[in-house]
C-alpha atoms as a PDB file:
ATOM      1  CA  MET A   1     -32.387  49.716  57.683  1.00  0.00           C
ATOM      2  CA  ALA A   2     -32.397  50.907  61.275  1.00  0.00           C
ATOM      3  CA  THR A   3     -32.290  47.915  63.566  1.00  0.00           C
ATOM      4  CA  ALA A   4     -33.131  47.609  67.234  1.00  0.00           C
ATOM      5  CA  PRO A   5     -30.350  46.433  69.548  1.00  0.00           C
ATOM      6  CA  ALA A   6     -30.968  42.694  69.760  1.00  0.00           C
ATOM      7  CA  ASN A   7     -29.393  39.367  69.008  1.00  0.00           C
ATOM      8  CA  ASN A   8     -30.493  39.718  65.390  1.00  0.00           C
ATOM      9  CA  LEU A   9     -27.925  42.366  64.511  1.00  0.00           C
ATOM     10  CA  PRO A  10     -26.968  43.673  61.046  1.00  0.00           C
ATOM     11  CA  ILE A  11     -23.846  42.285  59.419  1.00  0.00           C
ATOM     12  CA  PHE A  12     -20.559  43.469  60.989  1.00  0.00           C
ATOM     13  CA  TYR A  13     -22.206  44.378  64.318  1.00  0.00           C
ATOM     14  CA  ASN A  14     -21.473  42.174  67.339  1.00  0.00           C
ATOM     15  CA  ASP A  15     -23.378  44.339  69.815  1.00  0.00           C
ATOM     16  CA  LEU A  16     -25.060  47.742  70.026  1.00  0.00           C
ATOM     17  CA  LEU A  17     -25.054  50.301  72.831  1.00  0.00           C
ATOM     18  CA  PRO A  18     -26.783  53.694  72.791  1.00  0.00           C
ATOM     19  CA  LEU A  19     -24.255  56.511  73.110  1.00  0.00           C
ATOM     20  CA  SER A  20     -24.669  58.159  76.519  1.00  0.00           C
ATOM     21  CA  THR A  21     -23.184  61.320  78.014  1.00  0.00           C
ATOM     22  CA  MET A  22     -23.116  59.548  81.379  1.00  0.00           C
ATOM     23  CA  ASP A  23     -21.720  56.153  80.418  1.00  0.00           C
ATOM     24  CA  HIS A  24     -19.362  57.308  77.682  1.00  0.00           C
ATOM     25  CA  ALA A  25     -18.279  60.763  78.805  1.00  0.00           C
ATOM     26  CA  ASP A  26     -14.588  59.866  78.461  1.00  0.00           C
ATOM     27  CA  TYR A  27     -14.906  57.854  75.255  1.00  0.00           C
ATOM     28  CA  LYS A  28     -12.926  58.770  72.182  1.00  0.00           C
ATOM     29  CA  SER A  29     -12.856  57.815  68.538  1.00  0.00           C
ATOM     30  CA  ARG A  30      -9.622  56.867  66.847  1.00  0.00           C
ATOM     31  CA  SER A  31      -8.886  56.176  63.217  1.00  0.00           C
ATOM     32  CA  VAL A  32      -8.217  52.658  61.977  1.00  0.00           C
ATOM     33  CA  ASP A  33      -6.520  51.777  58.714  1.00  0.00           C
ATOM     34  CA  ALA A  34      -8.052  48.341  58.212  1.00  0.00           C
ATOM     35  CA  ALA A  35     -11.436  46.664  58.227  1.00  0.00           C
ATOM     36  CA  PRO A  36     -10.815  43.004  59.121  1.00  0.00           C
ATOM     37  CA  PHE A  37     -14.562  42.485  59.586  1.00  0.00           C
ATOM     38  CA  LEU A  38     -14.990  43.083  55.847  1.00  0.00           C
ATOM     39  CA  THR A  39     -12.409  40.616  54.533  1.00  0.00           C
ATOM     40  CA  SER A  40     -14.849  37.685  54.453  1.00  0.00           C
ATOM     41  CA  GLN A  41     -17.911  39.650  53.296  1.00  0.00           C
ATOM     42  CA  HIS A  42     -18.495  39.305  49.560  1.00  0.00           C
ATOM     43  CA  ALA A  43     -21.713  41.363  49.312  1.00  0.00           C
ATOM     44  CA  VAL A  44     -22.466  44.637  51.102  1.00  0.00           C
ATOM     45  CA  PRO A  45     -25.733  46.636  51.204  1.00  0.00           C
ATOM     46  CA  LEU A  46     -25.706  49.670  48.927  1.00  0.00           C
ATOM     47  CA  THR A  47     -27.985  52.709  48.639  1.00  0.00           C
ATOM     48  CA  ILE A  48     -29.110  54.182  45.329  1.00  0.00           C
ATOM     49  CA  ASP A  49     -27.204  57.377  46.157  1.00  0.00           C
ATOM     50  CA  GLU A  50     -24.043  55.329  45.616  1.00  0.00           C
ATOM     51  CA  PHE A  51     -24.938  53.529  42.381  1.00  0.00           C
ATOM     52  CA  VAL A  52     -23.257  55.896  39.923  1.00  0.00           C
ATOM     53  CA  THR A  53     -19.916  55.908  41.729  1.00  0.00           C
ATOM     54  CA  ALA A  54     -19.964  52.268  42.849  1.00  0.00           C
ATOM     55  CA  GLN A  55     -20.750  50.858  39.396  1.00  0.00           C
ATOM     56  CA  ARG A  56     -17.261  51.825  38.229  1.00  0.00           C
ATOM     57  CA  PHE A  57     -15.653  49.380  40.675  1.00  0.00           C
ATOM     58  CA  ALA A  58     -17.903  46.381  41.284  1.00  0.00           C
ATOM     59  CA  PRO A  59     -21.174  44.746  40.192  1.00  0.00           C
ATOM     60  CA  ILE A  60     -24.425  45.942  41.728  1.00  0.00           C
ATOM     61  CA  ILE A  61     -27.042  43.223  42.189  1.00  0.00           C
ATOM     62  CA  PHE A  62     -30.244  42.726  44.175  1.00  0.00           C
ATOM     63  CA  SER A  63     -30.626  40.119  46.892  1.00  0.00           C
ATOM     64  CA  ALA A  64     -32.922  37.175  46.279  1.00  0.00           C
ATOM     65  CA  GLY A  65     -36.286  36.939  47.979  1.00  0.00           C
ATOM     66  CA  ALA A  66     -39.326  39.153  48.375  1.00  0.00           C
ATOM     67  CA  ASP A  67     -37.537  41.953  50.246  1.00  0.00           C
ATOM     68  CA  SER A  68     -34.703  42.605  47.796  1.00  0.00           C
ATOM     69  CA  VAL A  69     -31.973  45.087  48.652  1.00  0.00           C
ATOM     70  CA  PRO A  70     -29.172  46.350  46.401  1.00  0.00           C
ATOM     71  CA  LEU A  71     -25.782  44.791  47.110  1.00  0.00           C
ATOM     72  CA  LEU A  72     -22.270  45.658  45.977  1.00  0.00           C
ATOM     73  CA  LEU A  73     -20.452  42.458  45.024  1.00  0.00           C
ATOM     74  CA  MET A  74     -16.904  42.677  46.357  1.00  0.00           C
ATOM     75  CA  GLY A  75     -16.409  38.986  45.559  1.00  0.00           C
ATOM     76  CA  LEU A  76     -18.401  36.331  43.730  1.00  0.00           C
ATOM     77  CA  ASN A  77     -18.084  33.608  46.345  1.00  0.00           C
ATOM     78  CA  GLU A  78     -18.948  33.407  50.036  1.00  0.00           C
ATOM     79  CA  GLY A  79     -16.034  34.511  52.197  1.00  0.00           C
ATOM     80  CA  VAL A  80     -14.133  36.240  49.377  1.00  0.00           C
ATOM     81  CA  ASN A  81     -13.520  39.985  49.111  1.00  0.00           C
ATOM     82  CA  VAL A  82     -11.063  40.744  46.308  1.00  0.00           C
ATOM     83  CA  PHE A  83     -10.622  44.407  47.275  1.00  0.00           C
ATOM     84  CA  LEU A  84      -9.028  43.730  50.688  1.00  0.00           C
ATOM     85  CA  ASP A  85      -5.931  41.868  51.785  1.00  0.00           C
ATOM     86  CA  ASP A  86      -5.980  39.406  54.677  1.00  0.00           C
ATOM     87  CA  GLU A  87      -5.488  42.242  57.206  1.00  0.00           C
ATOM     88  CA  GLY A  88      -8.470  44.166  55.905  1.00  0.00           C
ATOM     89  CA  LYS A  89      -6.519  46.850  54.047  1.00  0.00           C
ATOM     90  CA  LEU A  90      -7.474  47.980  50.558  1.00  0.00           C
ATOM     91  CA  ARG A  91      -5.401  46.423  47.788  1.00  0.00           C
ATOM     92  CA  GLY A  92      -5.979  49.386  45.473  1.00  0.00           C
ATOM     93  CA  PRO A  93      -8.752  51.625  44.112  1.00  0.00           C
ATOM     94  CA  ALA A  94     -12.163  50.573  45.380  1.00  0.00           C
ATOM     95  CA  TYR A  95     -15.526  51.897  46.428  1.00  0.00           C
ATOM     96  CA  VAL A  96     -16.333  51.352  50.095  1.00  0.00           C
ATOM     97  CA  PRO A  97     -20.114  51.480  50.663  1.00  0.00           C
ATOM     98  CA  ALA A  98     -21.555  53.908  53.196  1.00  0.00           C
ATOM     99  CA  TYR A  99     -22.875  50.883  55.104  1.00  0.00           C
ATOM    100  CA  VAL A 100     -19.246  49.987  55.849  1.00  0.00           C
ATOM    101  CA  ARG A 101     -18.052  53.547  56.422  1.00  0.00           C
ATOM    102  CA  ARG A 102     -20.652  54.209  59.115  1.00  0.00           C
ATOM    103  CA  TYR A 103     -19.473  51.222  61.197  1.00  0.00           C
ATOM    104  CA  PRO A 104     -19.309  51.037  64.233  1.00  0.00           C
ATOM    105  CA  TRP A 105     -22.142  53.559  64.360  1.00  0.00           C
ATOM    106  CA  MET A 106     -25.796  53.312  63.406  1.00  0.00           C
ATOM    107  CA  LEU A 107     -29.192  54.737  64.300  1.00  0.00           C
ATOM    108  CA  ALA A 108     -31.445  52.223  66.017  1.00  0.00           C
ATOM    109  CA  LYS A 109     -34.756  51.981  67.814  1.00  0.00           C
ATOM    110  CA  LEU A 110     -34.315  51.509  71.536  1.00  0.00           C
ATOM    111  CA  ARG A 111     -37.973  50.592  72.061  1.00  0.00           C
ATOM    112  CA  PRO A 112     -40.200  48.647  69.681  1.00  0.00           C
ATOM    113  CA  ASP A 113     -43.162  50.917  70.516  1.00  0.00           C
ATOM    114  CA  SER A 114     -41.328  54.065  69.426  1.00  0.00           C
ATOM    115  CA  GLU A 115     -40.164  55.317  66.029  1.00  0.00           C
ATOM    116  CA  GLU A 116     -37.424  57.396  67.626  1.00  0.00           C
ATOM    117  CA  LEU A 117     -33.897  56.499  66.563  1.00  0.00           C
ATOM    118  CA  SER A 118     -30.866  56.840  68.802  1.00  0.00           C
ATOM    119  CA  LEU A 119     -27.197  56.954  67.911  1.00  0.00           C
ATOM    120  CA  CYS A 120     -25.656  53.612  68.882  1.00  0.00           C
ATOM    121  CA  PHE A 121     -22.266  51.981  68.428  1.00  0.00           C
ATOM    122  CA  ASP A 122     -20.667  48.553  68.526  1.00  0.00           C
ATOM    123  CA  PRO A 123     -18.595  48.438  71.737  1.00  0.00           C
ATOM    124  CA  THR A 124     -16.438  45.623  70.326  1.00  0.00           C
ATOM    125  CA  SER A 125     -15.011  47.937  67.669  1.00  0.00           C
ATOM    126  CA  PRO A 126     -11.406  49.093  68.165  1.00  0.00           C
ATOM    127  CA  ALA A 127     -12.390  52.524  66.848  1.00  0.00           C
ATOM    128  CA  VAL A 128     -14.409  53.637  69.901  1.00  0.00           C
ATOM    129  CA  GLY A 129     -13.538  53.360  73.573  1.00  0.00           C
ATOM    130  CA  ALA A 130     -11.979  54.939  76.665  1.00  0.00           C
ATOM    131  CA  PHE A 131      -8.625  55.521  74.962  1.00  0.00           C
ATOM    132  CA  GLU A 132      -5.861  57.905  75.923  1.00  0.00           C
ATOM    133  CA  GLU A 133      -5.526  58.992  72.322  1.00  0.00           C
ATOM    134  CA  GLY A 134      -8.229  59.944  69.840  1.00  0.00           C
ATOM    135  CA  THR A 135     -10.952  62.544  69.372  1.00  0.00           C
ATOM    136  CA  PRO A 136     -13.409  63.019  72.264  1.00  0.00           C
ATOM    137  CA  LEU A 137     -17.033  62.124  71.660  1.00  0.00           C
ATOM    138  CA  PHE A 138     -18.182  64.675  74.222  1.00  0.00           C
ATOM    139  CA  GLU A 139     -16.929  68.103  75.213  1.00  0.00           C
ATOM    140  CA  ASP A 140     -18.328  69.881  78.265  1.00  0.00           C
ATOM    141  CA  GLY A 141     -21.074  67.287  78.493  1.00  0.00           C
ATOM    142  CA  LYS A 142     -22.251  67.886  74.920  1.00  0.00           C
ATOM    143  CA  PRO A 143     -21.678  65.942  71.697  1.00  0.00           C
ATOM    144  CA  SER A 144     -18.397  66.998  70.110  1.00  0.00           C
ATOM    145  CA  GLU A 145     -18.102  68.166  66.518  1.00  0.00           C
ATOM    146  CA  LEU A 146     -17.027  64.648  65.570  1.00  0.00           C
ATOM    147  CA  THR A 147     -20.110  63.085  67.176  1.00  0.00           C
ATOM    148  CA  GLN A 148     -22.367  65.609  65.466  1.00  0.00           C
ATOM    149  CA  GLY A 149     -20.744  64.668  62.159  1.00  0.00           C
ATOM    150  CA  VAL A 150     -21.283  60.958  62.857  1.00  0.00           C
ATOM    151  CA  LEU A 151     -24.938  61.621  63.671  1.00  0.00           C
ATOM    152  CA  LYS A 152     -25.393  63.582  60.428  1.00  0.00           C
ATOM    153  CA  PHE A 153     -23.771  60.777  58.406  1.00  0.00           C
ATOM    154  CA  CYS A 154     -26.062  58.184  59.995  1.00  0.00           C
ATOM    155  CA  GLU A 155     -29.135  60.367  59.419  1.00  0.00           C
ATOM    156  CA  ASP A 156     -28.192  60.834  55.764  1.00  0.00           C
ATOM    157  CA  PHE A 157     -27.683  57.078  55.456  1.00  0.00           C
ATOM    158  CA  GLU A 158     -31.161  56.337  56.848  1.00  0.00           C
ATOM    159  CA  GLN A 159     -32.711  58.787  54.388  1.00  0.00           C
ATOM    160  CA  ALA A 160     -30.802  57.184  51.514  1.00  0.00           C
ATOM    161  CA  ALA A 161     -31.929  53.751  52.734  1.00  0.00           C
ATOM    162  CA  ALA A 162     -35.556  54.926  52.663  1.00  0.00           C
ATOM    163  CA  ARG A 163     -35.142  56.187  49.081  1.00  0.00           C
ATOM    164  CA  THR A 164     -33.543  52.873  48.170  1.00  0.00           C
ATOM    165  CA  GLY A 165     -36.458  50.918  49.602  1.00  0.00           C
ATOM    166  CA  GLN A 166     -38.883  52.988  47.526  1.00  0.00           C
ATOM    167  CA  PHE A 167     -36.748  52.436  44.403  1.00  0.00           C
ATOM    168  CA  VAL A 168     -36.841  48.653  44.855  1.00  0.00           C
ATOM    169  CA  ARG A 169     -40.590  48.667  45.538  1.00  0.00           C
ATOM    170  CA  GLU A 170     -41.196  50.516  42.273  1.00  0.00           C
ATOM    171  CA  LEU A 171     -39.040  48.035  40.380  1.00  0.00           C
ATOM    172  CA  GLN A 172     -41.087  45.214  41.872  1.00  0.00           C
ATOM    173  CA  GLU A 173     -44.407  46.924  41.118  1.00  0.00           C
ATOM    174  CA  MET A 174     -43.377  47.188  37.450  1.00  0.00           C
ATOM    175  CA  ASP A 175     -42.180  43.563  37.546  1.00  0.00           C
ATOM    176  CA  LEU A 176     -38.719  44.582  36.378  1.00  0.00           C
ATOM    177  CA  LEU A 177     -36.716  42.309  38.687  1.00  0.00           C
ATOM    178  CA  MET A 178     -35.920  38.753  37.677  1.00  0.00           C
ATOM    179  CA  ASP A 179     -33.748  35.927  38.960  1.00  0.00           C
ATOM    180  CA  GLY A 180     -30.214  36.538  37.752  1.00  0.00           C
ATOM    181  CA  GLU A 181     -27.741  34.166  36.200  1.00  0.00           C
ATOM    182  CA  VAL A 182     -24.220  34.912  34.996  1.00  0.00           C
ATOM    183  CA  SER A 183     -22.111  32.375  33.115  1.00  0.00           C
ATOM    184  CA  ILE A 184     -18.315  32.680  33.064  1.00  0.00           C
ATOM    185  CA  GLN A 185     -16.222  30.389  30.877  1.00  0.00           C
ATOM    186  CA  THR A 186     -12.646  29.737  32.010  1.00  0.00           C
ATOM    187  CA  PRO A 187      -9.737  27.539  30.922  1.00  0.00           C
ATOM    188  CA  ILE A 188      -9.830  25.663  34.236  1.00  0.00           C
ATOM    189  CA  THR A 189     -12.967  23.695  33.368  1.00  0.00           C
ATOM    190  CA  ASP A 190     -14.737  22.477  30.241  1.00  0.00           C
ATOM    191  CA  GLN A 191     -18.033  23.921  31.418  1.00  0.00           C
ATOM    192  CA  PRO A 192     -18.679  27.515  32.487  1.00  0.00           C
ATOM    193  CA  PHE A 193     -19.228  28.562  36.074  1.00  0.00           C
ATOM    194  CA  VAL A 194     -22.764  29.813  36.556  1.00  0.00           C
ATOM    195  CA  TYR A 195     -23.628  32.236  39.353  1.00  0.00           C
ATOM    196  CA  ARG A 196     -27.199  32.284  40.622  1.00  0.00           C
ATOM    197  CA  GLY A 197     -28.992  33.300  43.808  1.00  0.00           C
ATOM    198  CA  PHE A 198     -29.441  37.010  43.049  1.00  0.00           C
ATOM    199  CA  ARG A 199     -31.836  39.293  41.206  1.00  0.00           C
ATOM    200  CA  MET A 200     -31.286  41.784  38.417  1.00  0.00           C
ATOM    201  CA  VAL A 201     -33.284  44.085  36.157  1.00  0.00           C
ATOM    202  CA  ASN A 202     -34.927  42.341  33.210  1.00  0.00           C
ATOM    203  CA  GLU A 203     -33.711  44.280  30.164  1.00  0.00           C
ATOM    204  CA  ASP A 204     -36.407  42.835  27.899  1.00  0.00           C
ATOM    205  CA  LYS A 205     -39.173  44.089  30.182  1.00  0.00           C
ATOM    206  CA  LEU A 206     -37.393  47.420  30.515  1.00  0.00           C
ATOM    207  CA  ARG A 207     -37.411  47.849  26.740  1.00  0.00           C
ATOM    208  CA  ASP A 208     -41.088  46.870  26.582  1.00  0.00           C
ATOM    209  CA  LEU A 209     -42.295  49.453  29.120  1.00  0.00           C
ATOM    210  CA  ARG A 210     -45.177  51.629  28.004  1.00  0.00           C
ATOM    211  CA  GLY A 211     -44.366  55.225  27.155  1.00  0.00           C
ATOM    212  CA  ASP A 212     -46.001  56.575  30.298  1.00  0.00           C
ATOM    213  CA  GLN A 213     -44.091  54.112  32.503  1.00  0.00           C
ATOM    214  CA  LEU A 214     -40.790  54.950  30.825  1.00  0.00           C
ATOM    215  CA  ARG A 215     -41.477  58.664  31.208  1.00  0.00           C
ATOM    216  CA  LYS A 216     -42.259  58.140  34.895  1.00  0.00           C
ATOM    217  CA  ILE A 217     -38.998  56.322  35.716  1.00  0.00           C
ATOM    218  CA  ASN A 218     -37.038  58.816  33.637  1.00  0.00           C
ATOM    219  CA  GLN A 219     -38.521  61.832  35.402  1.00  0.00           C
ATOM    220  CA  SER A 220     -38.116  60.220  38.841  1.00  0.00           C
ATOM    221  CA  GLY A 221     -34.405  59.571  38.249  1.00  0.00           C
ATOM    222  CA  MET A 222     -34.804  55.784  38.303  1.00  0.00           C
ATOM    223  CA  LEU A 223     -33.609  55.208  34.739  1.00  0.00           C
ATOM    224  CA  PRO A 224     -29.937  56.181  35.200  1.00  0.00           C
ATOM    225  CA  LEU A 225     -29.845  54.087  38.391  1.00  0.00           C
ATOM    226  CA  ILE A 226     -31.180  51.082  36.496  1.00  0.00           C
ATOM    227  CA  TYR A 227     -28.535  51.467  33.813  1.00  0.00           C
ATOM    228  CA  ALA A 228     -25.789  51.952  36.407  1.00  0.00           C
ATOM    229  CA  HIS A 229     -26.828  48.567  37.788  1.00  0.00           C
ATOM    230  CA  LEU A 230     -26.935  46.940  34.353  1.00  0.00           C
ATOM    231  CA  PHE A 231     -23.590  48.389  33.235  1.00  0.00           C
ATOM    232  CA  SER A 232     -21.952  47.248  36.474  1.00  0.00           C
ATOM    233  CA  LEU A 233     -22.752  43.609  35.751  1.00  0.00           C
ATOM    234  CA  GLN A 234     -19.993  43.664  33.115  1.00  0.00           C
ATOM    235  CA  LEU A 235     -17.532  43.700  36.033  1.00  0.00           C
ATOM    236  CA  MET A 236     -18.508  40.171  37.078  1.00  0.00           C
ATOM    237  CA  ARG A 237     -15.692  38.703  34.984  1.00  0.00           C
ATOM    238  CA  GLU A 238     -13.140  41.156  36.425  1.00  0.00           C
ATOM    239  CA  ILE A 239     -14.079  40.151  39.960  1.00  0.00           C
ATOM    240  CA  PHE A 240     -13.879  36.494  38.943  1.00  0.00           C
ATOM    241  CA  GLU A 241     -10.414  36.994  37.443  1.00  0.00           C
ATOM    242  CA  SER A 242      -9.262  38.845  40.566  1.00  0.00           C
ATOM    243  CA  GLN A 243     -10.313  35.845  42.646  1.00  0.00           C
ATOM    244  CA  ILE A 244      -8.313  33.540  40.389  1.00  0.00           C
ATOM    245  CA  GLY A 245      -5.301  35.855  40.596  1.00  0.00           C
ATOM    246  CA  GLN A 246      -5.480  35.857  44.397  1.00  0.00           C
ATOM    247  CA  GLY A 247      -5.743  32.077  44.562  1.00  0.00           C
ATOM    248  CA  LYS A 248      -9.361  32.315  45.717  1.00  0.00           C
ATOM    249  CA  GLY A 249     -10.942  30.794  42.667  1.00  0.00           C
ATOM    250  CA  PRO A 250     -14.399  29.214  42.731  1.00  0.00           C
ATOM    251  CA  ILE A 251     -15.210  25.720  43.864  1.00  0.00           C
ATOM    252  CA  ALA A 252     -18.040  24.057  42.025  1.00  0.00           C
ATOM    253  CA  ALA A 253     -21.109  23.743  44.257  1.00  0.00           C
ATOM    254  CA  PRO A 254     -24.143  22.919  42.115  1.00  0.00           C
ATOM    255  CA  ASP A 255     -27.188  25.116  42.725  1.00  0.00           C
ATOM    256  CA  ALA A 256     -25.776  26.730  45.885  1.00  0.00           C
ATOM    257  CA  PRO A 257     -27.114  30.320  46.116  1.00  0.00           C
ATOM    258  CA  GLY A 258     -24.405  32.816  45.292  1.00  0.00           C
ATOM    259  CA  ALA A 259     -21.916  30.049  44.484  1.00  0.00           C
ATOM    260  CA  PRO A 260     -20.836  28.885  41.048  1.00  0.00           C
ATOM    261  CA  ALA A 261     -22.129  25.684  39.565  1.00  0.00           C
ATOM    262  CA  PRO A 262     -21.035  24.072  36.320  1.00  0.00           C
ATOM    263  CA  ALA A 263     -23.659  24.716  33.682  1.00  0.00           C
ATOM    264  CA  GLU A 264     -25.672  21.717  32.619  1.00  0.00           C
ATOM    265  CA  GLY A 265     -25.972  20.797  28.991  1.00  0.00           C
END
């Protein structure tokens, strides 16, 4: 998931600069109590290290396409995040993915011909800058304890991302992922809203695995992760109802990926 500084930046990032003792010697980090950049993001990348905790709060799905990644659904429709208010503050108990918590930091390749990763940050973030208040990023020309902690968090995230990629590849090799579809019936329409445009584990194929395959995914720790994903899908209706309660209910858009469409027939 490490991405080189370029125009094609990961979600949330407007720009990336490598942290430098020369250019950012007087920079500080300050705490922020809101994440306005997250208010319109309904799906956030998730690592398998987070599945067990995250599945208590929101559905875990897999993105569509050949290179699927796990996503935490914080809303069922584009532009809707039911866990945050309009200012980007949490409405109540929620799980905030590590992908969000690492912002504005990330490890990135500075040169395409090198595998070396450097600690970079988004200079447009209000959390990092040449402020009078805050915690210094450097002390005596060396990374401060805070910066060392940020680096460790980003390194741990990259390792978790690598494990996640391997997990998804194994699911694909066993042909366990299928196109997902969730139907939600409500009083506001005669026909149910149907959500498509994502992938999920095929429970029928999971049950039909050979004994040696089942033993392999059990011993590797994949099985509880698969069930965390499957159990979390029961929260689809809760997210849907939260949207209705916040006046952000769905608008029928037939066959639009990730958007509800009235079921046919």
